[in-house]
Amino acid sequence: MRMLFLSIVQLFEKPIRQDMKKLLVLMLIVAVPLALPAQKYLTKNGKASFYSKTPLEDIEAHNNQVNVAIDFSDGSMAFRVLIKSFIFEKALMQQHFNENYMESDKHPTSVFNGKITDHTKIDLTKNGTYPVEVSGNLTIKGVTKKVTTKGTIEVKGGVVIGKSDFSIKLSDYKVKRPRAVAEEITISVSFEATKL
């Protein structure tokens, strides 16, 4: 890339026609974005899980079909979770979760739209782990609330690996709950995204 810039500078030092200068500037404008690393990453296999300890039994569910899209040019990110894709150990617990608590026929997805607030410190060209802060809007059961949390972004062999844990209050999202289940639950998310 440096050689390209030097060659163009040398060409501008020589007397050349005006239309040739315009052509060279246009070529430079086109070449620079192509030389930059890809900024958009995507996966359809992100993971989300939650856990709640209760006196009767622990409640735990996992979802391995989370859609994640990140654009590192501006730090924007989006998650889309299909509620029925959460898997419980017991089928009856899964049925109650979908029918009674999440009403997943009426509200089939949960969505997060936000930004990595400090995305400029992430270097996609080399391996490394970066602590990040993410802030945005989380929608569950048609209710949207602002969420801010910390996590990590790891760049490893061209793959972007993200992890974060955050807590929400079920009542904030109008999620009914059995008395034994804690009002606040912790949600864990992780993903391995590749260049779009």
N, C-alpha and C. Protein backbone atom coordinates (compact mmCIF):
# COMPACT_ATOMS: atom_id res chain seq x y z
N MET A 1 0.83 -1.19 0.00
CA MET A 1 0.00 0.00 0.00
C MET A 1 0.87 1.25 0.00
N ARG A 2 1.97 1.19 0.77
CA ARG A 2 2.88 2.34 0.82
C ARG A 2 3.48 2.61 -0.55
N MET A 3 3.82 1.52 -1.28
CA MET A 3 4.38 1.67 -2.62
C MET A 3 3.39 2.35 -3.55
N LEU A 4 2.11 2.03 -3.41
CA LEU A 4 1.08 2.65 -4.24
C LEU A 4 1.05 4.15 -4.00
N PHE A 5 1.09 4.58 -2.73
CA PHE A 5 1.09 6.00 -2.42
C PHE A 5 2.33 6.69 -2.97
N LEU A 6 3.52 6.06 -2.81
CA LEU A 6 4.76 6.65 -3.31
C LEU A 6 4.73 6.79 -4.82
N SER A 7 4.22 5.79 -5.51
CA SER A 7 4.12 5.85 -6.97
C SER A 7 3.22 6.99 -7.41
N ILE A 8 2.11 7.18 -6.72
CA ILE A 8 1.19 8.25 -7.08
C ILE A 8 1.82 9.61 -6.81
N VAL A 9 2.53 9.73 -5.67
CA VAL A 9 3.21 10.99 -5.36
C VAL A 9 4.25 11.31 -6.44
N GLN A 10 5.02 10.30 -6.85
CA GLN A 10 6.03 10.52 -7.89
C GLN A 10 5.39 10.95 -9.20
N LEU A 11 4.27 10.36 -9.54
CA LEU A 11 3.57 10.73 -10.76
C LEU A 11 3.10 12.18 -10.72
N PHE A 12 2.67 12.64 -9.53
CA PHE A 12 2.20 14.02 -9.41
C PHE A 12 3.35 15.02 -9.50
N GLU A 13 4.57 14.54 -9.21
CA GLU A 13 5.71 15.44 -9.29
C GLU A 13 6.10 15.72 -10.75
N LYS A 14 5.78 14.78 -11.65
CA LYS A 14 6.09 14.95 -13.06
C LYS A 14 4.98 15.74 -13.73
N PRO A 15 5.30 16.48 -14.75
CA PRO A 15 4.24 17.19 -15.45
C PRO A 15 3.40 16.21 -16.26
N ILE A 16 2.11 16.08 -15.89
CA ILE A 16 1.20 15.22 -16.63
C ILE A 16 -0.10 15.96 -16.89
N ARG A 17 -0.87 15.43 -17.81
CA ARG A 17 -2.12 16.08 -18.19
C ARG A 17 -3.10 16.08 -17.02
N GLN A 18 -3.99 17.06 -17.01
CA GLN A 18 -4.98 17.22 -15.95
C GLN A 18 -5.91 16.03 -15.87
N ASP A 19 -6.35 15.48 -17.02
CA ASP A 19 -7.27 14.35 -16.99
C ASP A 19 -6.59 13.10 -16.45
N MET A 20 -5.29 12.97 -16.62
CA MET A 20 -4.55 11.84 -16.07
C MET A 20 -4.48 11.95 -14.55
N LYS A 21 -4.32 13.17 -14.04
CA LYS A 21 -4.32 13.38 -12.59
C LYS A 21 -5.65 12.96 -11.99
N LYS A 22 -6.74 13.34 -12.65
CA LYS A 22 -8.08 12.98 -12.17
C LYS A 22 -8.26 11.47 -12.13
N LEU A 23 -7.76 10.79 -13.15
CA LEU A 23 -7.86 9.33 -13.20
C LEU A 23 -7.09 8.69 -12.06
N LEU A 24 -5.91 9.20 -11.77
CA LEU A 24 -5.09 8.65 -10.68
C LEU A 24 -5.76 8.88 -9.31
N VAL A 25 -6.35 10.03 -9.11
CA VAL A 25 -7.05 10.31 -7.86
C VAL A 25 -8.23 9.36 -7.71
N LEU A 26 -8.97 9.14 -8.78
CA LEU A 26 -10.10 8.21 -8.75
C LEU A 26 -9.63 6.79 -8.40
N MET A 27 -8.52 6.37 -9.00
CA MET A 27 -7.98 5.03 -8.71
C MET A 27 -7.59 4.92 -7.24
N LEU A 28 -7.02 5.97 -6.68
CA LEU A 28 -6.63 5.97 -5.27
C LEU A 28 -7.86 5.86 -4.37
N ILE A 29 -8.90 6.60 -4.69
CA ILE A 29 -10.14 6.57 -3.90
C ILE A 29 -10.74 5.17 -3.90
N VAL A 30 -10.66 4.47 -5.02
CA VAL A 30 -11.21 3.12 -5.12
C VAL A 30 -10.31 2.10 -4.43
N ALA A 31 -8.99 2.27 -4.53
CA ALA A 31 -8.04 1.28 -4.01
C ALA A 31 -7.96 1.27 -2.49
N VAL A 32 -8.05 2.42 -1.85
CA VAL A 32 -7.86 2.49 -0.40
C VAL A 32 -8.91 1.67 0.36
N PRO A 33 -10.22 1.82 0.09
CA PRO A 33 -11.19 0.99 0.82
C PRO A 33 -11.00 -0.50 0.58
N LEU A 34 -10.55 -0.88 -0.62
CA LEU A 34 -10.33 -2.30 -0.91
C LEU A 34 -9.17 -2.86 -0.11
N ALA A 35 -8.22 -2.00 0.24
CA ALA A 35 -7.06 -2.47 0.99
C ALA A 35 -7.33 -2.59 2.49
N LEU A 36 -8.41 -1.94 2.97
CA LEU A 36 -8.74 -2.02 4.39
C LEU A 36 -9.36 -3.37 4.72
N PRO A 37 -9.19 -3.87 5.95
CA PRO A 37 -9.80 -5.14 6.32
C PRO A 37 -11.32 -5.02 6.33
N ALA A 38 -11.99 -6.15 6.07
CA ALA A 38 -13.45 -6.15 6.10
C ALA A 38 -13.92 -5.74 7.49
N GLN A 39 -14.97 -4.95 7.55
CA GLN A 39 -15.44 -4.40 8.81
C GLN A 39 -16.71 -5.09 9.32
N LYS A 40 -17.40 -5.83 8.44
CA LYS A 40 -18.68 -6.44 8.83
C LYS A 40 -18.50 -7.93 9.09
N TYR A 41 -19.04 -8.37 10.25
CA TYR A 41 -18.95 -9.77 10.66
C TYR A 41 -20.35 -10.29 10.98
N LEU A 42 -20.53 -11.60 10.77
CA LEU A 42 -21.86 -12.18 10.88
C LEU A 42 -21.79 -13.63 11.34
N THR A 43 -22.80 -14.06 12.10
CA THR A 43 -22.99 -15.47 12.41
C THR A 43 -24.47 -15.74 12.65
N LYS A 44 -24.87 -16.97 12.38
CA LYS A 44 -26.23 -17.42 12.70
C LYS A 44 -26.20 -18.43 13.83
N ASN A 45 -25.01 -18.63 14.41
CA ASN A 45 -24.82 -19.65 15.44
C ASN A 45 -24.32 -19.07 16.76
N GLY A 46 -24.73 -17.84 17.05
CA GLY A 46 -24.38 -17.28 18.34
C GLY A 46 -25.10 -18.04 19.45
N LYS A 47 -24.67 -17.83 20.68
CA LYS A 47 -25.24 -18.56 21.81
C LYS A 47 -25.79 -17.58 22.85
N ALA A 48 -26.93 -17.95 23.42
CA ALA A 48 -27.51 -17.20 24.53
C ALA A 48 -28.01 -18.21 25.55
N SER A 49 -27.83 -17.91 26.82
CA SER A 49 -28.32 -18.80 27.86
C SER A 49 -28.69 -17.99 29.09
N PHE A 50 -29.53 -18.59 29.93
CA PHE A 50 -29.85 -17.96 31.21
C PHE A 50 -29.97 -19.04 32.27
N TYR A 51 -29.82 -18.60 33.52
CA TYR A 51 -29.82 -19.53 34.64
C TYR A 51 -30.48 -18.85 35.84
N SER A 52 -31.30 -19.61 36.54
CA SER A 52 -31.90 -19.13 37.78
C SER A 52 -31.95 -20.27 38.78
N LYS A 53 -31.40 -20.03 39.96
CA LYS A 53 -31.42 -21.05 41.02
C LYS A 53 -32.70 -20.87 41.84
N THR A 54 -33.42 -21.95 42.04
CA THR A 54 -34.65 -21.90 42.83
C THR A 54 -34.61 -22.99 43.90
N PRO A 55 -35.43 -22.86 44.96
CA PRO A 55 -35.44 -23.88 46.01
C PRO A 55 -35.86 -25.26 45.49
N LEU A 56 -36.75 -25.30 44.49
CA LEU A 56 -37.24 -26.58 43.98
C LEU A 56 -36.28 -27.20 42.97
N GLU A 57 -35.91 -26.42 41.95
CA GLU A 57 -34.98 -26.90 40.93
C GLU A 57 -34.39 -25.72 40.19
N ASP A 58 -33.21 -25.93 39.64
CA ASP A 58 -32.56 -24.87 38.89
C ASP A 58 -33.18 -24.78 37.50
N ILE A 59 -33.31 -23.56 37.02
CA ILE A 59 -33.88 -23.33 35.69
C ILE A 59 -32.75 -22.83 34.78
N GLU A 60 -32.53 -23.56 33.72
CA GLU A 60 -31.45 -23.23 32.80
C GLU A 60 -31.90 -23.54 31.38
N ALA A 61 -31.53 -22.67 30.44
CA ALA A 61 -31.88 -22.88 29.04
C ALA A 61 -30.76 -22.34 28.15
N HIS A 62 -30.61 -22.98 26.99
CA HIS A 62 -29.56 -22.60 26.04
C HIS A 62 -30.15 -22.46 24.64
N ASN A 63 -29.62 -21.50 23.90
CA ASN A 63 -30.04 -21.24 22.53
C ASN A 63 -28.79 -21.08 21.68
N ASN A 64 -28.62 -21.93 20.68
CA ASN A 64 -27.42 -21.90 19.82
C ASN A 64 -27.73 -21.42 18.41
N GLN A 65 -28.82 -20.66 18.27
CA GLN A 65 -29.22 -20.17 16.94
C GLN A 65 -29.44 -18.66 16.96
N VAL A 66 -28.53 -17.94 17.60
CA VAL A 66 -28.65 -16.48 17.71
C VAL A 66 -27.97 -15.83 16.50
N ASN A 67 -28.71 -14.96 15.81
CA ASN A 67 -28.14 -14.20 14.69
C ASN A 67 -27.43 -12.97 15.24
N VAL A 68 -26.18 -12.79 14.82
CA VAL A 68 -25.38 -11.66 15.28
C VAL A 68 -24.76 -10.98 14.07
N ALA A 69 -24.86 -9.65 14.01
CA ALA A 69 -24.22 -8.86 12.95
C ALA A 69 -23.51 -7.68 13.60
N ILE A 70 -22.25 -7.47 13.21
CA ILE A 70 -21.46 -6.36 13.75
C ILE A 70 -20.79 -5.63 12.60
N ASP A 71 -20.82 -4.30 12.65
CA ASP A 71 -20.11 -3.46 11.70
C ASP A 71 -19.09 -2.66 12.49
N PHE A 72 -17.82 -3.04 12.37
CA PHE A 72 -16.77 -2.40 13.17
C PHE A 72 -16.42 -1.01 12.65
N SER A 73 -16.90 -0.62 11.48
CA SER A 73 -16.62 0.73 10.98
C SER A 73 -17.29 1.78 11.86
N ASP A 74 -18.44 1.44 12.45
CA ASP A 74 -19.11 2.38 13.35
C ASP A 74 -19.48 1.75 14.71
N GLY A 75 -19.15 0.47 14.89
CA GLY A 75 -19.40 -0.21 16.17
C GLY A 75 -20.81 -0.73 16.33
N SER A 76 -21.66 -0.60 15.31
CA SER A 76 -23.05 -1.05 15.45
C SER A 76 -23.14 -2.57 15.49
N MET A 77 -24.08 -3.05 16.28
CA MET A 77 -24.27 -4.50 16.39
C MET A 77 -25.74 -4.81 16.61
N ALA A 78 -26.14 -6.01 16.17
CA ALA A 78 -27.52 -6.44 16.34
C ALA A 78 -27.55 -7.93 16.64
N PHE A 79 -28.42 -8.32 17.56
CA PHE A 79 -28.66 -9.71 17.92
C PHE A 79 -30.14 -10.00 17.69
N ARG A 80 -30.44 -11.17 17.17
CA ARG A 80 -31.84 -11.59 17.02
C ARG A 80 -31.95 -13.01 17.56
N VAL A 81 -32.84 -13.22 18.53
CA VAL A 81 -32.98 -14.51 19.21
C VAL A 81 -34.40 -15.04 18.99
N LEU A 82 -34.51 -16.24 18.44
CA LEU A 82 -35.81 -16.90 18.33
C LEU A 82 -36.11 -17.56 19.67
N ILE A 83 -37.17 -17.13 20.33
CA ILE A 83 -37.47 -17.58 21.70
C ILE A 83 -37.69 -19.09 21.76
N LYS A 84 -38.37 -19.66 20.78
CA LYS A 84 -38.63 -21.11 20.81
C LYS A 84 -37.37 -21.95 20.64
N SER A 85 -36.25 -21.32 20.30
CA SER A 85 -34.99 -22.06 20.15
C SER A 85 -34.27 -22.27 21.48
N PHE A 86 -34.80 -21.72 22.58
CA PHE A 86 -34.23 -22.02 23.90
C PHE A 86 -34.60 -23.45 24.27
N ILE A 87 -33.59 -24.22 24.64
CA ILE A 87 -33.78 -25.63 24.99
C ILE A 87 -33.57 -25.81 26.49
N PHE A 88 -34.56 -26.47 27.12
CA PHE A 88 -34.50 -26.78 28.55
C PHE A 88 -34.25 -28.28 28.72
N GLU A 89 -33.79 -28.66 29.89
CA GLU A 89 -33.57 -30.08 30.18
C GLU A 89 -34.90 -30.82 30.21
N LYS A 90 -35.95 -30.17 30.73
CA LYS A 90 -37.26 -30.81 30.84
C LYS A 90 -38.23 -30.20 29.84
N ALA A 91 -38.90 -31.03 29.08
CA ALA A 91 -39.84 -30.58 28.04
C ALA A 91 -40.98 -29.75 28.63
N LEU A 92 -41.48 -30.14 29.81
CA LEU A 92 -42.59 -29.42 30.43
C LEU A 92 -42.16 -28.00 30.81
N MET A 93 -40.95 -27.85 31.30
CA MET A 93 -40.42 -26.54 31.66
C MET A 93 -40.32 -25.66 30.40
N GLN A 94 -39.90 -26.26 29.30
CA GLN A 94 -39.80 -25.54 28.03
C GLN A 94 -41.18 -25.10 27.54
N GLN A 95 -42.16 -25.96 27.71
CA GLN A 95 -43.52 -25.63 27.30
C GLN A 95 -44.07 -24.46 28.12
N HIS A 96 -43.87 -24.52 29.44
CA HIS A 96 -44.33 -23.43 30.30
C HIS A 96 -43.63 -22.11 29.97
N PHE A 97 -42.34 -22.19 29.70
CA PHE A 97 -41.56 -21.00 29.34
C PHE A 97 -42.16 -20.33 28.11
N ASN A 98 -42.45 -21.12 27.08
CA ASN A 98 -42.98 -20.57 25.82
C ASN A 98 -44.43 -20.12 25.92
N GLU A 99 -45.25 -20.91 26.59
CA GLU A 99 -46.69 -20.61 26.62
C GLU A 99 -47.06 -19.61 27.71
N ASN A 100 -46.57 -19.80 28.92
CA ASN A 100 -47.02 -19.01 30.06
C ASN A 100 -46.20 -17.76 30.34
N TYR A 101 -44.89 -17.84 30.13
CA TYR A 101 -44.02 -16.74 30.55
C TYR A 101 -43.59 -15.84 29.39
N MET A 102 -43.13 -16.43 28.29
CA MET A 102 -42.64 -15.62 27.18
C MET A 102 -43.68 -15.39 26.09
N GLU A 103 -44.76 -16.17 26.09
CA GLU A 103 -45.80 -16.06 25.07
C GLU A 103 -45.16 -15.99 23.68
N SER A 104 -44.35 -17.00 23.37
CA SER A 104 -43.52 -16.96 22.17
C SER A 104 -44.29 -17.04 20.86
N ASP A 105 -45.55 -17.47 20.88
CA ASP A 105 -46.35 -17.40 19.65
C ASP A 105 -46.68 -15.94 19.32
N LYS A 106 -46.91 -15.16 20.35
CA LYS A 106 -47.23 -13.74 20.17
C LYS A 106 -45.97 -12.88 20.00
N HIS A 107 -44.91 -13.25 20.72
CA HIS A 107 -43.63 -12.51 20.68
C HIS A 107 -42.51 -13.50 20.34
N PRO A 108 -42.36 -13.86 19.07
CA PRO A 108 -41.44 -14.95 18.70
C PRO A 108 -39.95 -14.64 18.82
N THR A 109 -39.59 -13.35 18.82
CA THR A 109 -38.16 -13.02 18.87
C THR A 109 -37.86 -11.99 19.94
N SER A 110 -36.60 -12.00 20.34
CA SER A 110 -36.04 -10.95 21.18
C SER A 110 -34.91 -10.32 20.37
N VAL A 111 -34.78 -9.00 20.44
CA VAL A 111 -33.82 -8.29 19.59
C VAL A 111 -33.01 -7.31 20.42
N PHE A 112 -31.71 -7.23 20.12
CA PHE A 112 -30.85 -6.20 20.69
C PHE A 112 -30.25 -5.40 19.55
N ASN A 113 -30.36 -4.09 19.60
CA ASN A 113 -29.71 -3.18 18.64
C ASN A 113 -28.89 -2.18 19.43
N GLY A 114 -27.59 -2.14 19.17
CA GLY A 114 -26.76 -1.23 19.94
C GLY A 114 -25.42 -0.98 19.28
N LYS A 115 -24.48 -0.52 20.11
CA LYS A 115 -23.15 -0.18 19.62
C LYS A 115 -22.09 -0.61 20.62
N ILE A 116 -20.94 -0.95 20.09
CA ILE A 116 -19.73 -1.08 20.90
C ILE A 116 -19.22 0.34 21.05
N THR A 117 -19.31 0.90 22.25
CA THR A 117 -19.03 2.33 22.42
C THR A 117 -17.56 2.68 22.19
N ASP A 118 -16.67 1.71 22.37
CA ASP A 118 -15.23 1.97 22.20
C ASP A 118 -14.65 1.08 21.09
N HIS A 119 -15.37 0.96 19.98
CA HIS A 119 -15.00 0.04 18.90
C HIS A 119 -13.69 0.41 18.21
N THR A 120 -13.26 1.66 18.27
CA THR A 120 -12.06 2.08 17.54
C THR A 120 -10.78 1.46 18.11
N LYS A 121 -10.83 0.95 19.33
CA LYS A 121 -9.62 0.35 19.90
C LYS A 121 -9.42 -1.11 19.47
N ILE A 122 -10.40 -1.68 18.75
CA ILE A 122 -10.30 -3.07 18.29
C ILE A 122 -9.55 -3.11 16.97
N ASP A 123 -8.45 -3.84 16.93
CA ASP A 123 -7.64 -3.98 15.71
C ASP A 123 -7.95 -5.33 15.07
N LEU A 124 -8.69 -5.29 13.97
CA LEU A 124 -9.11 -6.52 13.29
C LEU A 124 -7.98 -7.17 12.50
N THR A 125 -6.84 -6.49 12.38
CA THR A 125 -5.74 -7.03 11.57
C THR A 125 -4.80 -7.93 12.36
N LYS A 126 -4.94 -7.98 13.69
CA LYS A 126 -4.05 -8.85 14.47
C LYS A 126 -4.80 -9.48 15.63
N ASN A 127 -4.33 -10.64 16.04
CA ASN A 127 -4.95 -11.36 17.15
C ASN A 127 -4.80 -10.58 18.45
N GLY A 128 -5.85 -10.63 19.26
CA GLY A 128 -5.82 -9.95 20.56
C GLY A 128 -7.19 -9.96 21.19
N THR A 129 -7.22 -9.67 22.50
CA THR A 129 -8.48 -9.61 23.25
C THR A 129 -8.67 -8.19 23.76
N TYR A 130 -9.88 -7.67 23.55
CA TYR A 130 -10.18 -6.29 23.88
C TYR A 130 -11.39 -6.21 24.81
N PRO A 131 -11.25 -5.57 25.99
CA PRO A 131 -12.43 -5.32 26.82
C PRO A 131 -13.27 -4.24 26.14
N VAL A 132 -14.59 -4.43 26.11
CA VAL A 132 -15.47 -3.47 25.44
C VAL A 132 -16.68 -3.17 26.31
N GLU A 133 -17.32 -2.07 25.97
CA GLU A 133 -18.62 -1.73 26.56
C GLU A 133 -19.63 -1.67 25.43
N VAL A 134 -20.78 -2.27 25.68
CA VAL A 134 -21.85 -2.31 24.68
C VAL A 134 -23.08 -1.64 25.27
N SER A 135 -23.71 -0.79 24.49
CA SER A 135 -24.91 -0.10 24.94
C SER A 135 -25.95 -0.10 23.83
N GLY A 136 -27.21 -0.34 24.19
CA GLY A 136 -28.24 -0.35 23.17
C GLY A 136 -29.59 -0.70 23.74
N ASN A 137 -30.52 -1.04 22.87
CA ASN A 137 -31.89 -1.35 23.26
C ASN A 137 -32.18 -2.83 23.12
N LEU A 138 -32.68 -3.42 24.21
CA LEU A 138 -33.06 -4.82 24.25
C LEU A 138 -34.59 -4.90 24.27
N THR A 139 -35.15 -5.66 23.32
CA THR A 139 -36.60 -5.82 23.24
C THR A 139 -36.97 -7.26 23.56
N ILE A 140 -37.79 -7.44 24.58
CA ILE A 140 -38.31 -8.74 24.98
C ILE A 140 -39.82 -8.58 25.17
N LYS A 141 -40.58 -9.47 24.56
CA LYS A 141 -42.05 -9.44 24.65
C LYS A 141 -42.62 -8.08 24.25
N GLY A 142 -42.01 -7.44 23.28
CA GLY A 142 -42.49 -6.15 22.78
C GLY A 142 -42.13 -4.96 23.64
N VAL A 143 -41.39 -5.19 24.73
CA VAL A 143 -40.96 -4.10 25.61
C VAL A 143 -39.49 -3.82 25.37
N THR A 144 -39.14 -2.56 25.15
CA THR A 144 -37.77 -2.18 24.85
C THR A 144 -37.19 -1.37 26.01
N LYS A 145 -36.02 -1.80 26.46
CA LYS A 145 -35.30 -1.10 27.54
C LYS A 145 -33.83 -0.94 27.14
N LYS A 146 -33.23 0.13 27.65
CA LYS A 146 -31.81 0.36 27.40
C LYS A 146 -30.97 -0.56 28.28
N VAL A 147 -29.93 -1.14 27.68
CA VAL A 147 -29.02 -2.03 28.40
C VAL A 147 -27.60 -1.59 28.11
N THR A 148 -26.77 -1.51 29.13
CA THR A 148 -25.35 -1.24 28.97
C THR A 148 -24.59 -2.31 29.75
N THR A 149 -23.61 -2.93 29.09
CA THR A 149 -22.87 -4.01 29.74
C THR A 149 -21.44 -4.04 29.23
N LYS A 150 -20.60 -4.75 29.96
CA LYS A 150 -19.21 -4.92 29.55
C LYS A 150 -19.04 -6.33 29.01
N GLY A 151 -18.03 -6.51 28.18
CA GLY A 151 -17.74 -7.82 27.62
C GLY A 151 -16.36 -7.82 27.01
N THR A 152 -16.08 -8.83 26.19
CA THR A 152 -14.80 -8.90 25.49
C THR A 152 -15.03 -9.22 24.02
N ILE A 153 -14.15 -8.69 23.20
CA ILE A 153 -14.07 -9.05 21.79
C ILE A 153 -12.66 -9.58 21.57
N GLU A 154 -12.58 -10.80 21.06
CA GLU A 154 -11.28 -11.40 20.75
C GLU A 154 -11.18 -11.58 19.24
N VAL A 155 -10.06 -11.14 18.68
CA VAL A 155 -9.76 -11.37 17.27
C VAL A 155 -8.79 -12.53 17.22
N LYS A 156 -9.17 -13.59 16.51
CA LYS A 156 -8.34 -14.80 16.50
C LYS A 156 -8.42 -15.45 15.12
N GLY A 157 -7.34 -15.35 14.37
CA GLY A 157 -7.27 -15.98 13.05
C GLY A 157 -8.35 -15.49 12.10
N GLY A 158 -8.67 -14.21 12.16
CA GLY A 158 -9.68 -13.65 11.26
C GLY A 158 -11.11 -13.81 11.75
N VAL A 159 -11.29 -14.49 12.88
CA VAL A 159 -12.62 -14.68 13.47
C VAL A 159 -12.76 -13.72 14.65
N VAL A 160 -13.95 -13.17 14.84
CA VAL A 160 -14.23 -12.29 15.97
C VAL A 160 -15.07 -13.07 16.97
N ILE A 161 -14.56 -13.17 18.21
CA ILE A 161 -15.22 -13.92 19.27
C ILE A 161 -15.68 -12.93 20.34
N GLY A 162 -16.97 -12.93 20.63
CA GLY A 162 -17.50 -12.00 21.62
C GLY A 162 -18.14 -12.73 22.79
N LYS A 163 -18.04 -12.14 23.99
CA LYS A 163 -18.65 -12.72 25.19
C LYS A 163 -19.13 -11.60 26.11
N SER A 164 -20.27 -11.83 26.74
CA SER A 164 -20.78 -10.88 27.72
C SER A 164 -21.82 -11.54 28.61
N ASP A 165 -21.91 -11.08 29.84
CA ASP A 165 -22.95 -11.48 30.79
C ASP A 165 -23.61 -10.20 31.29
N PHE A 166 -24.93 -10.21 31.38
CA PHE A 166 -25.63 -9.06 31.93
C PHE A 166 -26.92 -9.53 32.59
N SER A 167 -27.43 -8.70 33.48
CA SER A 167 -28.64 -9.06 34.22
C SER A 167 -29.80 -8.18 33.81
N ILE A 168 -31.00 -8.77 33.84
CA ILE A 168 -32.22 -8.01 33.58
C ILE A 168 -33.25 -8.35 34.66
N LYS A 169 -34.18 -7.44 34.89
CA LYS A 169 -35.32 -7.70 35.77
C LYS A 169 -36.47 -8.18 34.89
N LEU A 170 -37.03 -9.33 35.22
CA LEU A 170 -38.12 -9.89 34.42
C LEU A 170 -39.33 -8.97 34.38
N SER A 171 -39.61 -8.29 35.48
CA SER A 171 -40.78 -7.41 35.52
C SER A 171 -40.63 -6.22 34.57
N ASP A 172 -39.39 -5.81 34.27
CA ASP A 172 -39.17 -4.70 33.33
C ASP A 172 -39.71 -5.04 31.95
N TYR A 173 -39.73 -6.34 31.63
CA TYR A 173 -40.16 -6.79 30.31
C TYR A 173 -41.52 -7.50 30.36
N LYS A 174 -42.23 -7.32 31.47
CA LYS A 174 -43.56 -7.90 31.66
C LYS A 174 -43.56 -9.42 31.51
N VAL A 175 -42.48 -10.04 32.00
CA VAL A 175 -42.39 -11.50 31.99
C VAL A 175 -42.92 -12.00 33.34
N LYS A 176 -44.00 -12.76 33.30
CA LYS A 176 -44.52 -13.37 34.52
C LYS A 176 -43.54 -14.44 34.97
N ARG A 177 -43.49 -14.67 36.26
CA ARG A 177 -42.55 -15.68 36.76
C ARG A 177 -43.15 -16.40 37.96
N PRO A 178 -42.76 -17.66 38.12
CA PRO A 178 -43.16 -18.36 39.35
C PRO A 178 -42.50 -17.69 40.55
N ARG A 179 -43.11 -17.76 41.71
CA ARG A 179 -42.56 -17.11 42.90
C ARG A 179 -41.15 -17.58 43.23
N ALA A 180 -40.88 -18.82 42.93
CA ALA A 180 -39.57 -19.38 43.29
C ALA A 180 -38.44 -18.83 42.43
N VAL A 181 -38.78 -18.29 41.26
CA VAL A 181 -37.74 -17.79 40.34
C VAL A 181 -37.36 -16.37 40.73
N ALA A 182 -36.06 -16.10 40.74
CA ALA A 182 -35.57 -14.77 41.11
C ALA A 182 -36.08 -13.71 40.15
N GLU A 183 -36.29 -12.50 40.66
CA GLU A 183 -36.75 -11.38 39.84
C GLU A 183 -35.71 -10.99 38.80
N GLU A 184 -34.44 -11.12 39.18
CA GLU A 184 -33.35 -10.74 38.27
C GLU A 184 -32.63 -11.99 37.80
N ILE A 185 -32.44 -12.11 36.49
CA ILE A 185 -31.71 -13.26 35.96
C ILE A 185 -30.50 -12.77 35.17
N THR A 186 -29.51 -13.63 35.07
CA THR A 186 -28.31 -13.32 34.30
C THR A 186 -28.38 -14.01 32.96
N ILE A 187 -28.14 -13.24 31.92
CA ILE A 187 -28.11 -13.76 30.55
C ILE A 187 -26.67 -13.74 30.08
N SER A 188 -26.24 -14.85 29.48
CA SER A 188 -24.89 -14.94 28.90
C SER A 188 -25.02 -15.03 27.40
N VAL A 189 -24.21 -14.26 26.69
CA VAL A 189 -24.19 -14.34 25.23
C VAL A 189 -22.75 -14.54 24.76
N SER A 190 -22.60 -15.27 23.68
CA SER A 190 -21.30 -15.47 23.08
C SER A 190 -21.49 -15.75 21.59
N PHE A 191 -20.46 -15.47 20.81
CA PHE A 191 -20.54 -15.72 19.38
C PHE A 191 -19.15 -15.81 18.77
N GLU A 192 -19.07 -16.47 17.64
CA GLU A 192 -17.88 -16.47 16.78
C GLU A 192 -18.35 -16.05 15.40
N ALA A 193 -17.97 -14.85 15.00
CA ALA A 193 -18.46 -14.28 13.73
C ALA A 193 -17.33 -14.20 12.72
N THR A 194 -17.68 -14.38 11.46
CA THR A 194 -16.70 -14.29 10.38
C THR A 194 -17.05 -13.13 9.46
N LYS A 195 -16.08 -12.73 8.63
CA LYS A 195 -16.26 -11.61 7.72
C LYS A 195 -17.40 -11.86 6.76
N LEU A 196 -18.17 -10.83 6.52
CA LEU A 196 -19.29 -10.90 5.59
C LEU A 196 -18.78 -10.87 4.15
